[in-house]
N, C-alpha and C. Protein backbone atom coordinates (compact mmCIF):
# COMPACT_ATOMS: atom_id res chain seq x y z
N MET A 1 -52.60 -88.90 63.67
CA MET A 1 -52.50 -87.50 63.79
C MET A 1 -51.29 -87.43 62.45
N LEU A 2 -50.15 -88.18 62.60
CA LEU A 2 -49.10 -87.99 61.22
C LEU A 2 -49.79 -87.40 60.15
N GLU A 3 -51.07 -87.75 59.55
CA GLU A 3 -51.50 -87.87 58.36
C GLU A 3 -51.96 -85.88 58.64
N ASP A 4 -52.50 -85.96 59.80
CA ASP A 4 -53.01 -84.24 60.03
C ASP A 4 -52.13 -83.23 60.39
N THR A 5 -51.02 -83.58 61.07
CA THR A 5 -49.91 -82.82 61.25
C THR A 5 -48.84 -82.31 60.07
N PHE A 6 -48.81 -83.59 59.19
CA PHE A 6 -47.85 -83.59 58.27
C PHE A 6 -48.12 -83.44 56.60
N GLY A 7 -49.58 -83.65 56.54
CA GLY A 7 -50.39 -83.74 55.33
C GLY A 7 -49.96 -85.06 54.58
N LEU A 8 -49.43 -86.17 55.34
CA LEU A 8 -49.12 -87.32 54.71
C LEU A 8 -50.27 -88.38 54.59
N VAL A 9 -50.36 -89.37 54.02
CA VAL A 9 -51.25 -90.22 53.05
C VAL A 9 -50.67 -91.52 54.08
N GLN A 10 -51.68 -92.26 54.69
CA GLN A 10 -51.29 -93.53 55.26
C GLN A 10 -52.11 -94.35 54.22
N LEU A 11 -51.23 -95.29 53.72
CA LEU A 11 -51.54 -96.38 52.92
C LEU A 11 -51.63 -97.71 53.16
N SER A 12 -52.22 -98.53 53.92
CA SER A 12 -52.50 -99.56 53.88
C SER A 12 -52.53 -100.62 53.09
N THR A 13 -51.74 -101.68 52.57
CA THR A 13 -51.84 -102.74 51.76
C THR A 13 -53.23 -103.15 51.61
N GLY A 14 -53.88 -103.53 52.71
CA GLY A 14 -55.64 -104.39 52.55
C GLY A 14 -56.65 -103.26 51.89
N ASP A 15 -56.09 -102.10 52.35
CA ASP A 15 -57.18 -101.12 51.92
C ASP A 15 -56.95 -100.95 50.23
N LEU A 16 -55.58 -100.77 50.08
CA LEU A 16 -55.22 -100.63 48.73
C LEU A 16 -55.60 -101.53 47.67
N LEU A 17 -55.51 -102.77 48.06
CA LEU A 17 -56.04 -103.81 47.52
C LEU A 17 -57.64 -103.89 46.97
N ARG A 18 -58.17 -103.92 47.88
CA ARG A 18 -59.59 -103.65 48.03
C ARG A 18 -60.17 -102.53 46.92
N ALA A 19 -59.36 -101.38 47.24
CA ALA A 19 -59.44 -100.28 46.30
C ALA A 19 -59.33 -100.43 44.89
N ALA A 20 -58.13 -101.07 44.56
CA ALA A 20 -57.66 -101.29 43.35
C ALA A 20 -58.49 -102.64 42.76
N VAL A 21 -59.16 -103.73 43.11
CA VAL A 21 -60.16 -104.19 43.02
C VAL A 21 -61.38 -103.47 42.58
N ALA A 22 -61.91 -102.80 43.83
CA ALA A 22 -63.00 -102.20 43.33
C ALA A 22 -62.86 -101.15 42.30
N GLN A 23 -61.77 -100.67 41.80
CA GLN A 23 -61.73 -99.94 40.52
C GLN A 23 -61.31 -100.40 39.10
N GLY A 24 -61.03 -101.96 39.58
CA GLY A 24 -60.78 -102.75 38.32
C GLY A 24 -59.39 -102.42 37.52
N THR A 25 -58.51 -102.05 38.35
CA THR A 25 -57.28 -101.69 37.64
C THR A 25 -56.78 -103.02 37.05
N GLU A 26 -55.72 -102.88 36.41
CA GLU A 26 -55.11 -104.39 35.59
C GLU A 26 -54.82 -104.84 37.02
N ALA A 27 -54.04 -104.12 38.33
CA ALA A 27 -53.40 -105.12 39.34
C ALA A 27 -54.39 -105.43 39.97
N GLY A 28 -55.51 -104.59 39.86
CA GLY A 28 -56.72 -105.08 40.80
C GLY A 28 -57.67 -106.01 40.05
N LYS A 29 -57.40 -105.95 39.05
CA LYS A 29 -58.10 -107.44 38.34
C LYS A 29 -56.96 -108.81 38.70
N GLN A 30 -55.93 -108.67 38.83
CA GLN A 30 -54.86 -109.88 38.99
C GLN A 30 -55.40 -109.94 40.55
N ALA A 31 -55.34 -109.17 41.63
CA ALA A 31 -55.29 -109.44 42.46
C ALA A 31 -56.77 -110.34 43.01
N LYS A 32 -57.90 -109.54 42.36
CA LYS A 32 -59.17 -110.03 42.68
C LYS A 32 -59.09 -111.78 42.50
N ALA A 33 -58.46 -112.21 41.51
CA ALA A 33 -58.26 -113.76 40.40
C ALA A 33 -57.82 -114.52 41.63
N VAL A 34 -56.70 -114.13 42.47
CA VAL A 34 -55.96 -114.50 43.20
C VAL A 34 -56.58 -114.76 44.55
N MET A 35 -57.38 -113.60 45.21
CA MET A 35 -57.96 -113.68 46.20
C MET A 35 -59.07 -114.55 46.48
N GLU A 36 -59.93 -114.30 44.81
CA GLU A 36 -61.40 -115.34 44.80
C GLU A 36 -60.76 -116.85 44.90
N ALA A 37 -59.61 -117.18 44.54
CA ALA A 37 -59.35 -118.56 44.46
C ALA A 37 -58.65 -118.95 45.75
N GLY A 38 -58.50 -117.98 46.73
CA GLY A 38 -58.02 -117.91 47.87
C GLY A 38 -56.79 -118.17 48.60
N GLY A 39 -56.18 -117.60 47.31
CA GLY A 39 -54.47 -117.68 47.29
C GLY A 39 -54.15 -116.37 48.00
N LEU A 40 -53.22 -115.96 48.43
CA LEU A 40 -52.25 -115.04 48.72
C LEU A 40 -51.47 -113.92 47.64
N VAL A 41 -52.17 -112.65 47.69
CA VAL A 41 -51.68 -111.91 46.39
C VAL A 41 -49.89 -111.80 46.57
N SER A 42 -49.33 -112.19 45.48
CA SER A 42 -48.11 -111.92 45.19
C SER A 42 -47.40 -110.33 45.46
N ASP A 43 -46.08 -110.56 45.70
CA ASP A 43 -45.47 -109.27 46.13
C ASP A 43 -45.14 -108.36 44.74
N GLU A 44 -45.58 -108.98 43.94
CA GLU A 44 -45.61 -108.58 42.15
C GLU A 44 -47.17 -107.36 42.41
N ILE A 45 -47.77 -107.91 42.59
CA ILE A 45 -49.23 -107.53 42.42
C ILE A 45 -49.16 -106.38 43.50
N VAL A 46 -48.77 -106.48 44.52
CA VAL A 46 -48.85 -105.57 45.47
C VAL A 46 -47.84 -104.10 45.20
N ILE A 47 -46.99 -104.44 44.50
CA ILE A 47 -46.38 -103.59 44.18
C ILE A 47 -46.72 -102.78 42.92
N ALA A 48 -47.33 -103.47 42.21
CA ALA A 48 -47.85 -102.89 40.89
C ALA A 48 -49.06 -102.14 41.57
N ILE A 49 -49.72 -102.47 42.54
CA ILE A 49 -50.61 -101.93 43.05
C ILE A 49 -50.12 -100.45 43.81
N LEU A 50 -49.22 -100.66 44.62
CA LEU A 50 -48.70 -99.48 45.13
C LEU A 50 -47.66 -98.52 44.14
N ARG A 51 -47.69 -98.87 43.15
CA ARG A 51 -46.73 -98.26 42.17
C ARG A 51 -47.71 -97.17 41.52
N ASP A 52 -48.98 -97.91 40.92
CA ASP A 52 -50.43 -96.97 40.73
C ASP A 52 -50.72 -95.91 41.96
N ARG A 53 -50.59 -96.27 42.97
CA ARG A 53 -51.31 -95.26 44.34
C ARG A 53 -50.31 -94.40 44.58
N LEU A 54 -49.23 -94.53 44.58
CA LEU A 54 -47.53 -93.41 44.69
C LEU A 54 -47.79 -92.37 43.56
N ALA A 55 -48.63 -92.70 42.19
CA ALA A 55 -48.50 -91.67 41.17
C ALA A 55 -49.57 -90.75 41.21
N GLU A 56 -50.26 -91.24 42.06
CA GLU A 56 -51.61 -89.77 42.60
C GLU A 56 -51.49 -88.82 43.32
N PRO A 57 -51.45 -87.46 42.80
CA PRO A 57 -51.15 -86.28 43.46
C PRO A 57 -51.53 -86.29 44.96
N ASP A 58 -52.16 -86.94 45.82
CA ASP A 58 -52.32 -86.61 47.18
C ASP A 58 -50.79 -87.28 47.84
N CYS A 59 -50.08 -87.95 46.88
CA CYS A 59 -49.05 -88.45 47.66
C CYS A 59 -47.69 -87.64 47.54
N ALA A 60 -47.99 -86.79 47.00
CA ALA A 60 -46.61 -86.00 46.50
C ALA A 60 -45.54 -85.74 47.62
N ARG A 61 -46.56 -85.21 48.92
CA ARG A 61 -45.96 -85.11 49.98
C ARG A 61 -45.09 -86.15 50.70
N GLY A 62 -45.51 -87.05 50.82
CA GLY A 62 -45.27 -88.35 51.06
C GLY A 62 -46.21 -89.14 51.87
N VAL A 63 -45.84 -90.33 51.71
CA VAL A 63 -46.68 -91.47 52.75
C VAL A 63 -46.02 -92.24 53.89
N ILE A 64 -47.59 -92.57 54.73
CA ILE A 64 -47.15 -93.54 55.67
C ILE A 64 -47.30 -94.90 55.31
N LEU A 65 -46.29 -96.04 54.91
CA LEU A 65 -46.96 -97.13 54.52
C LEU A 65 -47.26 -97.86 55.89
N ASP A 66 -48.66 -99.05 56.22
CA ASP A 66 -48.88 -99.43 57.23
C ASP A 66 -49.25 -101.01 56.31
N GLY A 67 -48.36 -101.81 56.88
CA GLY A 67 -48.90 -103.41 56.53
C GLY A 67 -47.80 -103.60 55.25
N PHE A 68 -46.95 -102.90 55.08
CA PHE A 68 -46.09 -103.28 53.81
C PHE A 68 -44.51 -102.33 53.97
N PRO A 69 -43.80 -102.90 53.92
CA PRO A 69 -43.36 -103.94 53.79
C PRO A 69 -43.12 -105.10 54.89
N ARG A 70 -43.46 -106.23 54.82
CA ARG A 70 -43.51 -107.40 55.88
C ARG A 70 -42.07 -108.47 55.61
N THR A 71 -41.83 -108.10 54.61
CA THR A 71 -40.07 -109.30 54.71
C THR A 71 -39.22 -108.50 54.25
N THR A 72 -38.03 -108.88 53.91
CA THR A 72 -37.09 -107.69 53.42
C THR A 72 -37.05 -108.09 51.95
N VAL A 73 -37.79 -109.13 51.33
CA VAL A 73 -37.50 -109.34 49.86
C VAL A 73 -38.59 -108.20 49.46
N GLN A 74 -39.79 -108.49 50.24
CA GLN A 74 -40.69 -106.84 49.73
C GLN A 74 -40.22 -105.49 50.08
N ALA A 75 -39.25 -105.54 51.14
CA ALA A 75 -38.41 -104.04 51.23
C ALA A 75 -37.63 -103.72 50.04
N GLN A 76 -37.16 -104.61 49.67
CA GLN A 76 -36.16 -104.55 48.46
C GLN A 76 -36.87 -104.44 47.42
N ALA A 77 -37.90 -105.10 46.97
CA ALA A 77 -38.90 -104.38 46.14
C ALA A 77 -39.35 -103.18 46.22
N LEU A 78 -39.97 -102.57 47.56
CA LEU A 78 -40.04 -101.31 47.80
C LEU A 78 -38.89 -100.40 47.20
N ASP A 79 -37.50 -100.56 47.77
CA ASP A 79 -36.82 -99.66 47.44
C ASP A 79 -36.54 -99.22 45.80
N ALA A 80 -36.60 -100.56 44.94
CA ALA A 80 -36.44 -100.81 43.79
C ALA A 80 -37.88 -100.06 43.06
N LEU A 81 -38.77 -99.82 43.29
CA LEU A 81 -39.98 -99.19 43.17
C LEU A 81 -39.82 -97.49 43.18
N LEU A 82 -39.26 -97.20 44.42
CA LEU A 82 -39.08 -95.88 44.99
C LEU A 82 -37.86 -94.80 44.18
N ALA A 83 -36.64 -96.07 43.91
CA ALA A 83 -35.76 -95.69 43.29
C ALA A 83 -35.89 -95.29 41.91
N GLU A 84 -37.30 -95.59 41.27
CA GLU A 84 -37.79 -95.17 40.08
C GLU A 84 -38.23 -93.97 39.62
N THR A 85 -38.80 -93.48 40.81
CA THR A 85 -38.94 -91.73 41.05
C THR A 85 -37.67 -90.86 41.63
N ASP A 86 -36.58 -91.67 42.30
CA ASP A 86 -35.90 -90.86 43.35
C ASP A 86 -36.24 -90.66 44.41
N GLN A 87 -36.96 -91.48 45.02
CA GLN A 87 -37.52 -91.27 46.33
C GLN A 87 -36.88 -92.82 47.62
N GLN A 88 -37.28 -92.69 48.53
CA GLN A 88 -36.65 -93.70 49.44
C GLN A 88 -37.26 -93.57 50.65
N ILE A 89 -37.14 -94.52 51.68
CA ILE A 89 -37.95 -94.70 52.92
C ILE A 89 -36.74 -93.67 53.92
N ASN A 90 -37.62 -92.24 54.50
CA ASN A 90 -36.87 -91.95 55.06
C ASN A 90 -36.62 -92.08 56.62
N ALA A 91 -38.07 -92.75 56.94
CA ALA A 91 -38.06 -93.11 58.35
C ALA A 91 -38.58 -94.75 58.49
N ALA A 92 -38.00 -95.92 58.84
CA ALA A 92 -39.08 -96.85 59.30
C ALA A 92 -39.11 -96.98 60.79
N ILE A 93 -40.06 -97.13 61.70
CA ILE A 93 -40.38 -96.67 62.73
C ILE A 93 -40.84 -98.51 63.57
N SER A 94 -40.01 -98.74 64.41
CA SER A 94 -40.22 -100.02 65.18
C SER A 94 -41.06 -99.52 66.48
N LEU A 95 -42.38 -100.20 66.73
CA LEU A 95 -42.85 -100.06 67.81
C LEU A 95 -42.58 -101.22 68.87
N GLU A 96 -41.97 -101.01 69.72
CA GLU A 96 -41.90 -101.86 70.62
C GLU A 96 -42.46 -102.05 71.75
N VAL A 97 -43.17 -103.39 71.80
CA VAL A 97 -44.51 -103.27 72.68
C VAL A 97 -43.87 -105.35 73.61
N ASP A 98 -43.94 -105.20 74.70
CA ASP A 98 -44.09 -106.81 75.20
C ASP A 98 -44.71 -107.97 74.63
N ASP A 99 -44.61 -108.93 73.90
CA ASP A 99 -45.50 -109.89 73.50
C ASP A 99 -46.48 -110.08 74.04
N ALA A 100 -46.60 -110.47 75.61
CA ALA A 100 -47.67 -110.76 76.56
C ALA A 100 -48.77 -109.63 76.36
N ALA A 101 -47.85 -107.92 76.60
CA ALA A 101 -48.92 -107.04 76.66
C ALA A 101 -49.63 -107.02 75.05
N MET A 102 -49.13 -107.65 73.82
CA MET A 102 -49.37 -107.28 72.35
C MET A 102 -50.70 -108.16 72.78
N VAL A 103 -50.59 -109.78 73.02
CA VAL A 103 -51.56 -110.41 73.10
C VAL A 103 -52.95 -109.66 73.94
N GLU A 104 -52.93 -109.44 75.22
CA GLU A 104 -53.65 -108.71 76.11
C GLU A 104 -54.44 -107.48 75.33
N ARG A 105 -53.67 -106.46 74.44
CA ARG A 105 -54.01 -105.33 73.89
C ARG A 105 -54.99 -105.87 72.62
N ILE A 106 -54.67 -106.75 71.61
CA ILE A 106 -55.12 -107.31 70.64
C ILE A 106 -56.40 -107.84 71.32
N SER A 107 -56.27 -109.13 72.13
CA SER A 107 -57.35 -110.39 72.51
C SER A 107 -58.62 -109.54 73.11
N GLY A 108 -58.11 -108.47 73.73
CA GLY A 108 -59.44 -107.64 74.48
C GLY A 108 -60.10 -106.85 73.68
N ARG A 109 -59.85 -106.14 72.31
CA ARG A 109 -60.61 -105.13 71.75
C ARG A 109 -61.90 -105.76 71.03
N TYR A 110 -63.03 -105.01 71.27
CA TYR A 110 -64.09 -104.93 70.57
C TYR A 110 -64.50 -104.04 70.10
N THR A 111 -65.96 -103.89 69.28
CA THR A 111 -66.35 -102.85 68.83
C THR A 111 -67.72 -102.82 68.88
N CYS A 112 -68.33 -101.51 68.79
CA CYS A 112 -70.06 -101.46 68.49
C CYS A 112 -70.18 -101.53 67.05
N ALA A 113 -71.50 -102.60 66.96
CA ALA A 113 -71.59 -103.20 65.22
C ALA A 113 -72.37 -102.22 64.97
N ALA A 114 -72.75 -101.29 65.52
CA ALA A 114 -74.00 -100.26 64.82
C ALA A 114 -72.68 -98.96 64.56
N CYS A 115 -72.13 -98.67 65.43
CA CYS A 115 -71.41 -97.53 64.70
C CYS A 115 -69.83 -97.14 64.73
N GLY A 116 -69.46 -98.66 65.26
CA GLY A 116 -67.77 -98.81 65.18
C GLY A 116 -66.97 -98.44 66.20
N GLU A 117 -67.64 -97.62 67.06
CA GLU A 117 -66.61 -97.00 68.15
C GLU A 117 -65.69 -98.38 69.02
N GLY A 118 -64.64 -98.11 69.53
CA GLY A 118 -63.80 -99.16 70.09
C GLY A 118 -63.94 -99.06 71.38
N TYR A 119 -63.91 -100.64 71.85
CA TYR A 119 -63.61 -100.67 73.16
C TYR A 119 -62.84 -101.72 73.50
N HIS A 120 -61.96 -102.07 75.06
CA HIS A 120 -61.23 -102.97 75.45
C HIS A 120 -61.76 -103.90 76.67
N ASP A 121 -61.45 -105.12 76.81
CA ASP A 121 -62.13 -105.64 78.29
C ASP A 121 -61.30 -105.01 79.49
N SER A 122 -59.97 -104.38 79.02
CA SER A 122 -59.19 -104.39 80.29
C SER A 122 -59.36 -102.37 80.38
N PHE A 123 -58.68 -101.79 79.23
CA PHE A 123 -58.48 -100.67 79.31
C PHE A 123 -59.81 -99.88 78.80
N LYS A 124 -61.14 -99.71 78.06
CA LYS A 124 -61.81 -99.07 77.86
C LYS A 124 -63.18 -99.65 77.63
N ARG A 125 -64.03 -99.77 78.97
CA ARG A 125 -64.79 -99.99 78.85
C ARG A 125 -66.39 -99.75 78.37
N PRO A 126 -67.70 -99.70 78.07
CA PRO A 126 -68.51 -98.84 78.12
C PRO A 126 -68.65 -98.66 79.57
N ALA A 127 -69.43 -97.27 79.34
CA ALA A 127 -70.02 -97.10 81.17
C ALA A 127 -71.09 -98.03 81.76
N LYS A 128 -71.98 -98.06 80.34
CA LYS A 128 -72.94 -99.10 80.89
C LYS A 128 -72.66 -100.63 80.25
N GLU A 129 -72.37 -101.96 80.77
CA GLU A 129 -72.07 -102.71 80.25
C GLU A 129 -73.05 -103.07 79.10
N GLY A 130 -72.14 -103.59 77.93
CA GLY A 130 -72.87 -103.64 76.82
C GLY A 130 -73.67 -102.94 75.88
N VAL A 131 -73.52 -101.82 76.32
CA VAL A 131 -74.42 -100.62 75.60
C VAL A 131 -73.18 -99.37 75.08
N CYS A 132 -73.36 -99.20 74.20
CA CYS A 132 -72.13 -98.46 73.40
C CYS A 132 -72.51 -96.71 73.85
N ASP A 133 -71.16 -96.29 74.64
CA ASP A 133 -71.17 -95.07 74.99
C ASP A 133 -71.61 -93.99 73.80
N LYS A 134 -71.52 -94.30 72.36
CA LYS A 134 -71.68 -93.69 71.36
C LYS A 134 -73.44 -93.07 70.99
N CYS A 135 -73.53 -94.58 70.49
CA CYS A 135 -74.91 -94.69 69.71
C CYS A 135 -75.88 -95.42 70.47
N GLY A 136 -75.59 -95.55 71.78
CA GLY A 136 -76.67 -96.67 72.38
C GLY A 136 -76.62 -98.26 72.00
N GLY A 137 -76.11 -98.26 71.05
CA GLY A 137 -76.32 -99.92 70.03
C GLY A 137 -75.59 -100.58 71.22
N THR A 138 -76.33 -102.36 71.02
CA THR A 138 -76.55 -103.08 72.34
C THR A 138 -75.53 -104.30 71.71
N GLU A 139 -75.42 -104.05 70.43
CA GLU A 139 -74.46 -105.90 69.83
C GLU A 139 -72.79 -105.01 69.99
N MET A 140 -72.20 -106.32 70.33
CA MET A 140 -70.78 -105.49 70.44
C MET A 140 -69.95 -106.66 69.15
N LYS A 141 -69.03 -106.47 68.84
CA LYS A 141 -68.45 -107.64 68.00
C LYS A 141 -66.84 -107.38 68.02
N ARG A 142 -66.30 -108.82 67.93
CA ARG A 142 -64.70 -109.16 68.16
C ARG A 142 -64.41 -109.69 66.56
N ARG A 143 -63.54 -109.26 66.17
CA ARG A 143 -62.74 -109.79 64.92
C ARG A 143 -62.54 -111.53 65.51
N ALA A 144 -62.72 -112.24 64.35
CA ALA A 144 -62.15 -113.63 64.26
C ALA A 144 -60.54 -113.81 64.77
N ASP A 145 -59.95 -112.98 64.21
CA ASP A 145 -58.24 -113.29 64.41
C ASP A 145 -57.96 -113.01 65.67
N ASP A 146 -58.87 -112.01 66.73
CA ASP A 146 -57.91 -111.28 67.79
C ASP A 146 -58.38 -112.37 68.93
N LYS A 147 -58.51 -113.51 68.53
CA LYS A 147 -58.32 -114.28 69.63
C LYS A 147 -57.06 -114.69 70.39
N ALA A 148 -56.60 -114.81 71.38
CA ALA A 148 -55.27 -114.88 72.22
C ALA A 148 -54.43 -116.02 71.26
N GLU A 149 -54.83 -117.08 71.05
CA GLU A 149 -53.94 -118.01 70.53
C GLU A 149 -53.76 -117.44 69.23
N THR A 150 -54.46 -116.92 68.58
CA THR A 150 -54.10 -116.16 66.76
C THR A 150 -53.23 -115.45 67.13
N VAL A 151 -53.53 -114.37 67.96
CA VAL A 151 -52.45 -113.22 68.42
C VAL A 151 -51.35 -113.68 68.68
N ALA A 152 -51.22 -114.52 69.36
CA ALA A 152 -49.92 -115.45 69.48
C ALA A 152 -48.54 -115.98 68.26
N SER A 153 -50.08 -116.44 67.57
CA SER A 153 -49.91 -117.47 66.48
C SER A 153 -48.57 -116.34 65.43
N ARG A 154 -49.87 -114.96 65.18
CA ARG A 154 -49.08 -113.87 64.41
C ARG A 154 -48.03 -113.77 64.46
N LEU A 155 -47.49 -113.23 66.28
CA LEU A 155 -46.72 -112.46 67.03
C LEU A 155 -45.35 -113.72 66.44
N GLU A 156 -45.73 -115.02 66.28
CA GLU A 156 -44.54 -115.93 65.98
C GLU A 156 -43.99 -115.81 64.23
N ALA A 157 -45.04 -115.52 63.67
CA ALA A 157 -45.03 -115.20 62.44
C ALA A 157 -44.10 -113.88 62.39
N TYR A 158 -44.51 -112.83 62.90
CA TYR A 158 -43.80 -111.51 62.65
C TYR A 158 -42.36 -111.84 63.38
N HIS A 159 -42.19 -112.38 64.16
CA HIS A 159 -40.68 -112.55 64.88
C HIS A 159 -39.84 -113.41 63.70
N ALA A 160 -40.37 -114.40 63.17
CA ALA A 160 -39.68 -115.09 62.18
C ALA A 160 -39.57 -114.49 60.93
N GLN A 161 -40.48 -113.55 60.08
CA GLN A 161 -40.39 -112.86 59.02
C GLN A 161 -40.45 -111.22 58.91
N THR A 162 -41.17 -110.57 59.89
CA THR A 162 -40.75 -109.46 59.97
C THR A 162 -39.86 -108.99 60.75
N ALA A 163 -39.60 -109.21 61.70
CA ALA A 163 -38.30 -108.50 62.65
C ALA A 163 -37.10 -108.65 61.60
N PRO A 164 -36.63 -109.58 60.78
CA PRO A 164 -35.65 -109.23 60.29
C PRO A 164 -35.42 -107.79 59.35
N LEU A 165 -36.48 -106.97 59.41
CA LEU A 165 -36.70 -105.92 58.32
C LEU A 165 -35.91 -104.96 59.36
N ILE A 166 -35.97 -105.10 60.85
CA ILE A 166 -35.43 -104.01 61.88
C ILE A 166 -33.76 -104.23 61.41
N GLY A 167 -33.26 -104.83 61.23
CA GLY A 167 -31.82 -105.28 60.78
C GLY A 167 -31.32 -104.08 59.23
N TYR A 168 -32.34 -104.90 58.21
CA TYR A 168 -32.37 -104.15 57.40
C TYR A 168 -32.45 -102.74 57.07
N TYR A 169 -33.43 -101.99 57.61
CA TYR A 169 -33.64 -101.00 58.05
C TYR A 169 -32.41 -100.07 58.53
N GLU A 170 -31.86 -100.62 59.77
CA GLU A 170 -30.84 -100.17 60.39
C GLU A 170 -29.51 -100.37 59.81
N GLU A 171 -29.14 -101.18 59.08
CA GLU A 171 -28.09 -100.74 58.15
C GLU A 171 -28.08 -99.67 57.12
N LYS A 172 -29.36 -99.58 56.70
CA LYS A 172 -29.79 -98.19 55.95
C LYS A 172 -29.73 -97.12 57.03
N ARG A 173 -29.62 -96.71 58.07
CA ARG A 173 -29.66 -95.98 58.91
C ARG A 173 -30.89 -95.11 59.03
N ALA A 174 -32.07 -95.79 58.59
CA ALA A 174 -33.72 -95.50 58.40
C ALA A 174 -34.36 -95.44 59.99
N LEU A 175 -33.48 -96.40 60.85
CA LEU A 175 -34.69 -97.02 61.91
C LEU A 175 -34.52 -96.44 63.28
N SER A 176 -35.53 -96.14 62.97
CA SER A 176 -36.14 -95.60 64.96
C SER A 176 -37.31 -96.65 65.68
N ARG A 177 -36.68 -96.62 66.70
CA ARG A 177 -37.18 -97.22 67.92
C ARG A 177 -38.20 -96.79 69.08
N ILE A 178 -39.43 -96.85 68.87
CA ILE A 178 -40.13 -96.53 70.52
C ILE A 178 -40.55 -97.20 70.60
N ASP A 179 -40.20 -96.90 72.25
CA ASP A 179 -41.09 -97.53 73.43
C ASP A 179 -42.59 -97.55 73.37
N ALA A 180 -43.44 -98.41 72.96
CA ALA A 180 -44.54 -98.26 72.86
C ALA A 180 -45.36 -98.86 73.85
N MET A 181 -44.76 -98.85 74.93
CA MET A 181 -45.52 -99.57 76.43
C MET A 181 -46.29 -98.27 77.00
N GLY A 182 -45.69 -97.56 76.54
CA GLY A 182 -46.05 -96.00 77.60
C GLY A 182 -46.91 -95.49 77.09
N ALA A 183 -47.35 -94.03 77.73
CA ALA A 183 -48.77 -93.57 77.46
C ALA A 183 -48.73 -93.04 75.83
N ILE A 184 -49.91 -93.04 75.26
CA ILE A 184 -49.80 -92.66 74.09
C ILE A 184 -49.99 -91.32 73.46
N ASP A 185 -50.04 -90.52 74.23
CA ASP A 185 -49.28 -88.94 73.94
C ASP A 185 -48.04 -89.07 73.68
N LYS A 186 -47.19 -89.75 74.80
CA LYS A 186 -45.70 -89.92 74.84
C LYS A 186 -45.54 -90.44 73.01
N ILE A 187 -46.01 -91.78 72.97
CA ILE A 187 -45.52 -92.11 71.51
C ILE A 187 -46.02 -91.30 70.62
N ALA A 188 -47.32 -90.58 70.51
CA ALA A 188 -47.70 -89.74 69.56
C ALA A 188 -46.29 -88.55 69.38
N ALA A 189 -46.12 -87.87 70.37
CA ALA A 189 -44.74 -86.72 70.63
C ALA A 189 -43.60 -87.78 69.96
N ASP A 190 -43.19 -88.83 70.50
CA ASP A 190 -42.18 -89.44 69.63
C ASP A 190 -42.19 -89.57 68.17
N LEU A 191 -43.17 -90.34 68.02
CA LEU A 191 -43.53 -90.55 66.29
C LEU A 191 -43.12 -89.04 65.47
N GLY A 192 -44.05 -88.32 65.95
CA GLY A 192 -44.24 -86.78 65.40
C GLY A 192 -43.04 -86.10 65.46
N THR A 193 -41.77 -86.41 66.07
CA THR A 193 -40.43 -86.08 66.19
C THR A 193 -39.61 -86.38 65.04
N ILE A 194 -39.94 -88.22 65.27
CA ILE A 194 -39.14 -88.91 63.97
C ILE A 194 -39.76 -88.47 62.64
N VAL A 195 -40.81 -88.25 62.41
CA VAL A 195 -41.48 -87.91 61.17
C VAL A 195 -41.32 -86.64 60.74
N GLU A 196 -41.18 -85.53 61.88
CA GLU A 196 -40.14 -84.47 61.68
C GLU A 196 -39.09 -84.30 60.98
N ASP A 197 -38.30 -85.15 61.50
CA ASP A 197 -37.09 -85.29 61.03
C ASP A 197 -36.94 -85.68 59.62
N ALA A 198 -37.62 -86.78 59.30
CA ALA A 198 -37.50 -87.39 58.52
C ALA A 198 -38.15 -86.52 56.97
N THR A 199 -39.36 -86.02 57.22
CA THR A 199 -39.68 -84.91 56.14
C THR A 199 -38.80 -83.41 55.70
N ALA A 200 -37.74 -83.68 56.65
CA ALA A 200 -37.30 -82.07 56.55
C ALA A 200 -36.03 -82.84 55.71
N ARG A 201 -35.71 -84.22 55.44
CA ARG A 201 -34.63 -84.42 54.70
C ARG A 201 -35.14 -84.33 53.42
């Protein structure tokens, strides 16, 4: 919705890494070597890949960063990168959700293996159990890391490593909070208002 409404490009670090590896860029080659060795790609490599992507023409109107930064060290590196071209983060949005609700939302989701249509144990079941409403496929799949205990562990890591970003962006007067426990339409409207204000700056 934000991409369509505001002409922004959504940049997910996972997608960026895969694209850089596929394209064989210098940073992509470094990332590939680390990933093939089973390691975590360094902040320096991620920043190099992000630098390359931000220089592309479709990013000129602005971007939505998804999955980066995750730590204050990454946020500082991102600020330094953006400063090279006189840019800055105009809005950092905290989608605030109760931990127990987050576990339920993530651990209950699954998709049709054939077409990718999304479903949920509690919120969106197919009309006929085990049959995709969209394509009629009968094989459903769940991500291995969507188990309740895995989600709880990821939330612990989030509170330890990523939650400090809230204070970081609050100090920069860039933070907005959204109650993400409500209806999707309301959340979307709140997001739209924040991004509209940010893009006007």
